[in-house]
Amino acid sequence: MISIFNARSGKLLRNVASLVGENMRGRGSVECPADWERMRWDAAARRWIKDDAVAAEVDARRADDAYRCEFGDGAKREAHLRKAIEARLYHHLGAAAAPLLTAEAEATGVPIDDLVAAVVARDDEWIAREVGRRTAKTKGKRNG
């Protein structure tokens, strides 16, 4: 792949497989590195720069896509829902069976109590937003 950029500003215009047939007036070009998708374009330097944040975002998106392809579109939501249920049970009943949380704790090295607290906190935020959204929706139906 070859990156084409504005010669004056350095702004990335597009990536192409070949320069054949390209109008290069006022434009420059540079070869894309092998892992350019995990990098960011630096207009001042007119080249691709390694960026851990971009790489992490791309890797997360690829993992999500792979998960979705393997298990279906709603699988990730179902896994989050199941993890939230496990966290609530663990939180209220103590060491109840929590296979998803146990596996995540072992894989990440984070204590299961910390994972439970994080999942419950995120779940509480979601519940508050959803209650607010539904309350506003029903108020609109009553008034209108």
N, C-alpha and C. Protein backbone atom coordinates (compact mmCIF):
# COMPACT_ATOMS: atom_id res chain seq x y z
N MET A 1 0.84 -1.18 0.00
CA MET A 1 0.00 0.00 0.00
C MET A 1 0.89 1.25 0.00
N ILE A 2 0.34 2.28 -0.59
CA ILE A 2 1.05 3.55 -0.67
C ILE A 2 0.11 4.64 -0.15
N SER A 3 0.61 5.48 0.72
CA SER A 3 -0.16 6.60 1.25
C SER A 3 0.09 7.83 0.39
N ILE A 4 -1.00 8.49 0.00
CA ILE A 4 -0.90 9.73 -0.76
C ILE A 4 -1.31 10.86 0.18
N PHE A 5 -0.50 11.93 0.23
CA PHE A 5 -0.79 13.04 1.11
C PHE A 5 -0.63 14.36 0.37
N ASN A 6 -1.25 15.41 0.92
CA ASN A 6 -1.13 16.75 0.38
C ASN A 6 0.30 17.22 0.65
N ALA A 7 1.01 17.63 -0.40
CA ALA A 7 2.42 18.02 -0.25
C ALA A 7 2.58 19.26 0.62
N ARG A 8 1.62 20.15 0.59
CA ARG A 8 1.73 21.40 1.36
C ARG A 8 1.38 21.18 2.84
N SER A 9 0.24 20.56 3.12
CA SER A 9 -0.22 20.43 4.51
C SER A 9 0.22 19.12 5.17
N GLY A 10 0.48 18.11 4.37
CA GLY A 10 0.83 16.81 4.93
C GLY A 10 -0.38 15.97 5.26
N LYS A 11 -1.59 16.48 5.01
CA LYS A 11 -2.82 15.76 5.32
C LYS A 11 -2.91 14.49 4.48
N LEU A 12 -3.21 13.37 5.13
CA LEU A 12 -3.37 12.10 4.44
C LEU A 12 -4.63 12.14 3.60
N LEU A 13 -4.49 11.83 2.32
CA LEU A 13 -5.64 11.84 1.42
C LEU A 13 -6.25 10.45 1.27
N ARG A 14 -5.41 9.45 1.00
CA ARG A 14 -5.91 8.09 0.88
C ARG A 14 -4.74 7.12 0.75
N ASN A 15 -5.07 5.86 0.89
CA ASN A 15 -4.09 4.79 0.67
C ASN A 15 -4.51 4.04 -0.59
N VAL A 16 -3.55 3.75 -1.43
CA VAL A 16 -3.84 3.05 -2.69
C VAL A 16 -2.85 1.90 -2.86
N ALA A 17 -3.24 0.96 -3.71
CA ALA A 17 -2.36 -0.17 -3.99
C ALA A 17 -1.25 0.22 -4.97
N SER A 18 -1.56 1.17 -5.86
CA SER A 18 -0.59 1.57 -6.89
C SER A 18 -0.80 3.03 -7.24
N LEU A 19 0.27 3.69 -7.69
CA LEU A 19 0.17 5.09 -8.11
C LEU A 19 -0.21 5.22 -9.59
N VAL A 20 -0.37 4.11 -10.26
CA VAL A 20 -0.73 4.13 -11.67
C VAL A 20 -2.08 4.82 -11.84
N GLY A 21 -2.10 5.85 -12.67
CA GLY A 21 -3.34 6.58 -12.94
C GLY A 21 -3.68 7.64 -11.90
N GLU A 22 -2.86 7.82 -10.91
CA GLU A 22 -3.12 8.82 -9.87
C GLU A 22 -2.57 10.17 -10.31
N ASN A 23 -3.34 11.23 -10.08
CA ASN A 23 -2.86 12.59 -10.32
C ASN A 23 -2.06 12.99 -9.08
N MET A 24 -0.76 13.10 -9.25
CA MET A 24 0.11 13.36 -8.11
C MET A 24 0.52 14.83 -8.00
N ARG A 25 -0.11 15.70 -8.77
CA ARG A 25 0.25 17.12 -8.70
C ARG A 25 -0.10 17.69 -7.33
N GLY A 26 0.89 18.26 -6.66
CA GLY A 26 0.69 18.83 -5.33
C GLY A 26 0.57 17.78 -4.24
N ARG A 27 0.96 16.57 -4.57
CA ARG A 27 0.82 15.48 -3.61
C ARG A 27 2.14 14.74 -3.46
N GLY A 28 2.30 14.13 -2.33
CA GLY A 28 3.46 13.29 -2.08
C GLY A 28 2.99 11.88 -1.78
N SER A 29 3.92 10.96 -1.73
CA SER A 29 3.55 9.58 -1.41
C SER A 29 4.65 8.93 -0.59
N VAL A 30 4.25 7.95 0.17
CA VAL A 30 5.18 7.19 0.99
C VAL A 30 4.63 5.77 1.11
N GLU A 31 5.54 4.80 1.16
CA GLU A 31 5.12 3.40 1.33
C GLU A 31 4.51 3.22 2.72
N CYS A 32 3.43 2.46 2.79
CA CYS A 32 2.83 2.14 4.08
C CYS A 32 3.64 1.02 4.74
N PRO A 33 3.93 1.14 6.03
CA PRO A 33 4.59 0.02 6.71
C PRO A 33 3.64 -1.18 6.77
N ALA A 34 4.17 -2.33 7.06
CA ALA A 34 3.36 -3.56 7.08
C ALA A 34 2.18 -3.46 8.03
N ASP A 35 2.33 -2.84 9.17
CA ASP A 35 1.25 -2.74 10.16
C ASP A 35 0.68 -1.32 10.26
N TRP A 36 0.54 -0.65 9.13
CA TRP A 36 0.09 0.74 9.12
C TRP A 36 -1.30 0.92 9.72
N GLU A 37 -2.14 -0.12 9.67
CA GLU A 37 -3.49 0.00 10.22
C GLU A 37 -3.48 0.21 11.73
N ARG A 38 -2.38 -0.19 12.39
CA ARG A 38 -2.26 -0.05 13.83
C ARG A 38 -1.45 1.19 14.20
N MET A 39 -1.24 2.10 13.23
CA MET A 39 -0.45 3.31 13.44
C MET A 39 -1.31 4.53 13.13
N ARG A 40 -0.78 5.71 13.42
CA ARG A 40 -1.49 6.94 13.05
C ARG A 40 -0.62 7.74 12.09
N TRP A 41 -1.28 8.52 11.25
CA TRP A 41 -0.58 9.36 10.28
C TRP A 41 -0.17 10.65 10.95
N ASP A 42 1.08 11.03 10.83
CA ASP A 42 1.58 12.29 11.37
C ASP A 42 1.78 13.24 10.20
N ALA A 43 0.92 14.26 10.10
CA ALA A 43 0.96 15.18 8.96
C ALA A 43 2.26 15.99 8.94
N ALA A 44 2.76 16.37 10.10
CA ALA A 44 3.99 17.16 10.15
C ALA A 44 5.19 16.35 9.66
N ALA A 45 5.27 15.10 10.10
CA ALA A 45 6.39 14.23 9.71
C ALA A 45 6.16 13.57 8.35
N ARG A 46 4.89 13.59 7.91
CA ARG A 46 4.50 12.97 6.63
C ARG A 46 4.89 11.49 6.59
N ARG A 47 4.53 10.82 7.69
CA ARG A 47 4.80 9.38 7.76
C ARG A 47 3.91 8.75 8.84
N TRP A 48 3.89 7.43 8.85
CA TRP A 48 3.14 6.68 9.84
C TRP A 48 3.95 6.57 11.12
N ILE A 49 3.30 6.80 12.26
CA ILE A 49 3.94 6.78 13.58
C ILE A 49 3.28 5.69 14.42
N LYS A 50 4.08 4.90 15.13
CA LYS A 50 3.51 3.90 16.04
C LYS A 50 2.78 4.61 17.16
N ASP A 51 1.57 4.14 17.45
CA ASP A 51 0.74 4.72 18.50
C ASP A 51 0.04 3.59 19.23
N ASP A 52 0.37 3.41 20.50
CA ASP A 52 -0.20 2.30 21.28
C ASP A 52 -1.71 2.40 21.42
N ALA A 53 -2.24 3.62 21.52
CA ALA A 53 -3.69 3.79 21.67
C ALA A 53 -4.42 3.33 20.40
N VAL A 54 -3.89 3.70 19.25
CA VAL A 54 -4.50 3.28 17.98
C VAL A 54 -4.40 1.76 17.84
N ALA A 55 -3.24 1.21 18.18
CA ALA A 55 -3.05 -0.24 18.09
C ALA A 55 -4.03 -0.97 19.01
N ALA A 56 -4.22 -0.47 20.22
CA ALA A 56 -5.14 -1.10 21.17
C ALA A 56 -6.57 -1.03 20.66
N GLU A 57 -6.94 0.11 20.09
CA GLU A 57 -8.30 0.27 19.55
C GLU A 57 -8.54 -0.69 18.38
N VAL A 58 -7.57 -0.80 17.49
CA VAL A 58 -7.69 -1.70 16.34
C VAL A 58 -7.77 -3.15 16.82
N ASP A 59 -6.92 -3.51 17.77
CA ASP A 59 -6.92 -4.87 18.30
C ASP A 59 -8.25 -5.20 18.97
N ALA A 60 -8.79 -4.26 19.73
CA ALA A 60 -10.09 -4.47 20.39
C ALA A 60 -11.20 -4.64 19.36
N ARG A 61 -11.17 -3.83 18.32
CA ARG A 61 -12.19 -3.94 17.27
C ARG A 61 -12.07 -5.28 16.55
N ARG A 62 -10.85 -5.72 16.29
CA ARG A 62 -10.65 -7.03 15.64
C ARG A 62 -11.15 -8.16 16.54
N ALA A 63 -10.89 -8.06 17.84
CA ALA A 63 -11.35 -9.08 18.78
C ALA A 63 -12.88 -9.10 18.83
N ASP A 64 -13.50 -7.91 18.84
CA ASP A 64 -14.96 -7.82 18.82
C ASP A 64 -15.52 -8.45 17.55
N ASP A 65 -14.92 -8.13 16.41
CA ASP A 65 -15.39 -8.69 15.14
C ASP A 65 -15.25 -10.21 15.12
N ALA A 66 -14.13 -10.72 15.62
CA ALA A 66 -13.92 -12.16 15.65
C ALA A 66 -14.93 -12.83 16.57
N TYR A 67 -15.19 -12.21 17.72
CA TYR A 67 -16.16 -12.74 18.68
C TYR A 67 -17.55 -12.77 18.05
N ARG A 68 -17.91 -11.66 17.39
CA ARG A 68 -19.21 -11.55 16.74
C ARG A 68 -19.35 -12.60 15.63
N CYS A 69 -18.29 -12.81 14.86
CA CYS A 69 -18.34 -13.80 13.78
C CYS A 69 -18.52 -15.21 14.33
N GLU A 70 -17.86 -15.49 15.45
CA GLU A 70 -17.92 -16.83 16.00
C GLU A 70 -19.23 -17.11 16.73
N PHE A 71 -19.71 -16.12 17.51
CA PHE A 71 -20.85 -16.38 18.38
C PHE A 71 -22.13 -15.64 17.99
N GLY A 72 -22.10 -14.75 17.02
CA GLY A 72 -23.29 -14.02 16.60
C GLY A 72 -23.31 -12.61 17.18
N ASP A 73 -24.20 -11.77 16.63
CA ASP A 73 -24.25 -10.36 17.00
C ASP A 73 -24.59 -10.11 18.46
N GLY A 74 -25.55 -10.84 19.01
CA GLY A 74 -25.99 -10.57 20.38
C GLY A 74 -25.16 -11.25 21.45
N ALA A 75 -24.15 -12.02 21.06
CA ALA A 75 -23.39 -12.81 22.02
C ALA A 75 -22.63 -11.96 23.03
N LYS A 76 -22.07 -10.86 22.56
CA LYS A 76 -21.30 -10.01 23.47
C LYS A 76 -22.22 -9.39 24.53
N ARG A 77 -23.39 -8.95 24.11
CA ARG A 77 -24.35 -8.38 25.05
C ARG A 77 -24.79 -9.45 26.05
N GLU A 78 -25.03 -10.67 25.55
CA GLU A 78 -25.43 -11.76 26.44
C GLU A 78 -24.32 -12.08 27.45
N ALA A 79 -23.07 -12.06 27.01
CA ALA A 79 -21.95 -12.33 27.92
C ALA A 79 -21.87 -11.24 28.99
N HIS A 80 -22.07 -9.98 28.61
CA HIS A 80 -22.06 -8.88 29.59
C HIS A 80 -23.21 -9.05 30.58
N LEU A 81 -24.38 -9.42 30.07
CA LEU A 81 -25.54 -9.63 30.93
C LEU A 81 -25.27 -10.76 31.92
N ARG A 82 -24.72 -11.86 31.40
CA ARG A 82 -24.42 -12.99 32.27
C ARG A 82 -23.37 -12.61 33.33
N LYS A 83 -22.37 -11.84 32.92
CA LYS A 83 -21.34 -11.41 33.86
C LYS A 83 -21.96 -10.51 34.94
N ALA A 84 -22.90 -9.64 34.55
CA ALA A 84 -23.56 -8.77 35.53
C ALA A 84 -24.38 -9.59 36.51
N ILE A 85 -25.06 -10.63 36.01
CA ILE A 85 -25.84 -11.49 36.90
C ILE A 85 -24.91 -12.23 37.85
N GLU A 86 -23.80 -12.77 37.31
CA GLU A 86 -22.82 -13.46 38.17
C GLU A 86 -22.29 -12.51 39.24
N ALA A 87 -21.99 -11.28 38.85
CA ALA A 87 -21.44 -10.31 39.81
C ALA A 87 -22.45 -10.01 40.91
N ARG A 88 -23.71 -9.85 40.54
CA ARG A 88 -24.75 -9.59 41.56
C ARG A 88 -24.89 -10.77 42.51
N LEU A 89 -24.89 -11.99 41.96
CA LEU A 89 -24.98 -13.18 42.81
C LEU A 89 -23.77 -13.29 43.73
N TYR A 90 -22.59 -13.08 43.18
CA TYR A 90 -21.37 -13.15 43.97
C TYR A 90 -21.39 -12.09 45.06
N HIS A 91 -21.84 -10.89 44.70
CA HIS A 91 -21.88 -9.76 45.64
C HIS A 91 -22.84 -10.05 46.80
N HIS A 92 -24.00 -10.64 46.49
CA HIS A 92 -25.02 -10.86 47.52
C HIS A 92 -24.88 -12.20 48.24
N LEU A 93 -24.38 -13.23 47.56
CA LEU A 93 -24.33 -14.56 48.16
C LEU A 93 -22.93 -15.02 48.52
N GLY A 94 -21.95 -14.20 48.24
CA GLY A 94 -20.57 -14.60 48.55
C GLY A 94 -19.97 -15.40 47.40
N ALA A 95 -19.32 -16.49 47.71
CA ALA A 95 -18.59 -17.26 46.71
C ALA A 95 -19.51 -18.17 45.90
N ALA A 96 -20.53 -17.61 45.29
CA ALA A 96 -21.40 -18.39 44.40
C ALA A 96 -20.62 -18.72 43.13
N ALA A 97 -21.12 -19.69 42.38
CA ALA A 97 -20.46 -20.07 41.12
C ALA A 97 -20.49 -18.89 40.16
N ALA A 98 -19.33 -18.48 39.70
CA ALA A 98 -19.21 -17.36 38.77
C ALA A 98 -18.14 -17.70 37.74
N PRO A 99 -18.45 -18.61 36.81
CA PRO A 99 -17.41 -19.08 35.88
C PRO A 99 -16.82 -17.99 34.98
N LEU A 100 -17.64 -17.06 34.49
CA LEU A 100 -17.10 -16.00 33.63
C LEU A 100 -16.17 -15.08 34.41
N LEU A 101 -16.60 -14.68 35.58
CA LEU A 101 -15.77 -13.79 36.40
C LEU A 101 -14.51 -14.49 36.90
N THR A 102 -14.63 -15.77 37.25
CA THR A 102 -13.46 -16.53 37.69
C THR A 102 -12.44 -16.64 36.57
N ALA A 103 -12.91 -16.95 35.36
CA ALA A 103 -12.01 -17.07 34.21
C ALA A 103 -11.34 -15.73 33.90
N GLU A 104 -12.12 -14.64 33.97
CA GLU A 104 -11.54 -13.32 33.71
C GLU A 104 -10.53 -12.94 34.78
N ALA A 105 -10.82 -13.27 36.03
CA ALA A 105 -9.90 -12.96 37.13
C ALA A 105 -8.58 -13.72 36.94
N GLU A 106 -8.68 -14.98 36.55
CA GLU A 106 -7.46 -15.78 36.33
C GLU A 106 -6.67 -15.27 35.12
N ALA A 107 -7.39 -14.88 34.07
CA ALA A 107 -6.71 -14.42 32.85
C ALA A 107 -6.04 -13.07 33.04
N THR A 108 -6.66 -12.18 33.80
CA THR A 108 -6.13 -10.82 33.95
C THR A 108 -5.28 -10.64 35.20
N GLY A 109 -5.43 -11.54 36.17
CA GLY A 109 -4.69 -11.39 37.43
C GLY A 109 -5.32 -10.39 38.38
N VAL A 110 -6.52 -9.93 38.05
CA VAL A 110 -7.24 -8.99 38.91
C VAL A 110 -8.07 -9.80 39.91
N PRO A 111 -8.03 -9.44 41.19
CA PRO A 111 -8.84 -10.19 42.17
C PRO A 111 -10.32 -10.16 41.80
N ILE A 112 -11.01 -11.29 42.04
CA ILE A 112 -12.41 -11.40 41.63
C ILE A 112 -13.28 -10.36 42.34
N ASP A 113 -12.95 -9.99 43.58
CA ASP A 113 -13.73 -8.97 44.29
C ASP A 113 -13.66 -7.62 43.58
N ASP A 114 -12.49 -7.29 43.03
CA ASP A 114 -12.34 -6.05 42.28
C ASP A 114 -13.15 -6.10 40.98
N LEU A 115 -13.12 -7.25 40.31
CA LEU A 115 -13.92 -7.40 39.08
C LEU A 115 -15.40 -7.26 39.38
N VAL A 116 -15.85 -7.90 40.45
CA VAL A 116 -17.26 -7.83 40.83
C VAL A 116 -17.65 -6.38 41.09
N ALA A 117 -16.83 -5.66 41.83
CA ALA A 117 -17.14 -4.25 42.13
C ALA A 117 -17.22 -3.42 40.85
N ALA A 118 -16.31 -3.66 39.90
CA ALA A 118 -16.32 -2.90 38.64
C ALA A 118 -17.55 -3.24 37.82
N VAL A 119 -17.90 -4.51 37.74
CA VAL A 119 -19.07 -4.92 36.95
C VAL A 119 -20.35 -4.36 37.56
N VAL A 120 -20.47 -4.43 38.87
CA VAL A 120 -21.67 -3.91 39.55
C VAL A 120 -21.77 -2.39 39.35
N ALA A 121 -20.65 -1.68 39.45
CA ALA A 121 -20.66 -0.23 39.26
C ALA A 121 -21.11 0.13 37.84
N ARG A 122 -20.55 -0.58 36.83
CA ARG A 122 -20.96 -0.32 35.43
C ARG A 122 -22.43 -0.65 35.23
N ASP A 123 -22.88 -1.75 35.86
CA ASP A 123 -24.27 -2.16 35.73
C ASP A 123 -25.19 -1.13 36.38
N ASP A 124 -24.80 -0.60 37.54
CA ASP A 124 -25.60 0.43 38.20
C ASP A 124 -25.71 1.69 37.35
N GLU A 125 -24.60 2.08 36.69
CA GLU A 125 -24.64 3.24 35.79
C GLU A 125 -25.61 3.00 34.65
N TRP A 126 -25.54 1.82 34.06
CA TRP A 126 -26.43 1.50 32.94
C TRP A 126 -27.88 1.51 33.38
N ILE A 127 -28.16 0.93 34.55
CA ILE A 127 -29.54 0.89 35.06
C ILE A 127 -30.06 2.31 35.28
N ALA A 128 -29.24 3.18 35.86
CA ALA A 128 -29.66 4.57 36.09
C ALA A 128 -29.98 5.28 34.77
N ARG A 129 -29.13 5.08 33.76
CA ARG A 129 -29.38 5.71 32.45
C ARG A 129 -30.66 5.16 31.82
N GLU A 130 -30.83 3.84 31.91
CA GLU A 130 -32.00 3.21 31.30
C GLU A 130 -33.29 3.64 32.00
N VAL A 131 -33.26 3.72 33.32
CA VAL A 131 -34.44 4.18 34.07
C VAL A 131 -34.76 5.62 33.69
N GLY A 132 -33.74 6.48 33.60
CA GLY A 132 -33.96 7.86 33.19
C GLY A 132 -34.53 7.97 31.79
N ARG A 133 -34.02 7.16 30.88
CA ARG A 133 -34.50 7.18 29.49
C ARG A 133 -35.96 6.73 29.42
N ARG A 134 -36.27 5.65 30.12
CA ARG A 134 -37.65 5.14 30.08
C ARG A 134 -38.62 6.07 30.81
N THR A 135 -38.15 6.69 31.87
CA THR A 135 -39.00 7.64 32.58
C THR A 135 -39.33 8.83 31.69
N ALA A 136 -38.34 9.34 31.00
CA ALA A 136 -38.57 10.46 30.08
C ALA A 136 -39.50 10.05 28.95
N LYS A 137 -39.37 8.83 28.50
CA LYS A 137 -40.22 8.33 27.41
C LYS A 137 -41.68 8.23 27.86
N THR A 138 -41.91 7.71 29.08
CA THR A 138 -43.28 7.56 29.56
C THR A 138 -43.89 8.91 29.94
N LYS A 139 -43.09 9.86 30.42
CA LYS A 139 -43.60 11.20 30.72
C LYS A 139 -44.06 11.87 29.44
N GLY A 140 -43.33 11.67 28.36
CA GLY A 140 -43.70 12.24 27.07
C GLY A 140 -45.01 11.67 26.56
N LYS A 141 -45.28 10.39 26.83
CA LYS A 141 -46.53 9.77 26.39
C LYS A 141 -47.71 10.28 27.20
N ARG A 142 -47.48 10.50 28.51
CA ARG A 142 -48.56 10.99 29.38
C ARG A 142 -48.91 12.44 29.05
N ASN A 143 -47.89 13.26 28.74
CA ASN A 143 -48.13 14.68 28.49
C ASN A 143 -48.56 14.94 27.06
N GLY A 144 -48.24 14.08 26.15
CA GLY A 144 -48.48 14.37 24.74
C GLY A 144 -49.50 13.53 24.20
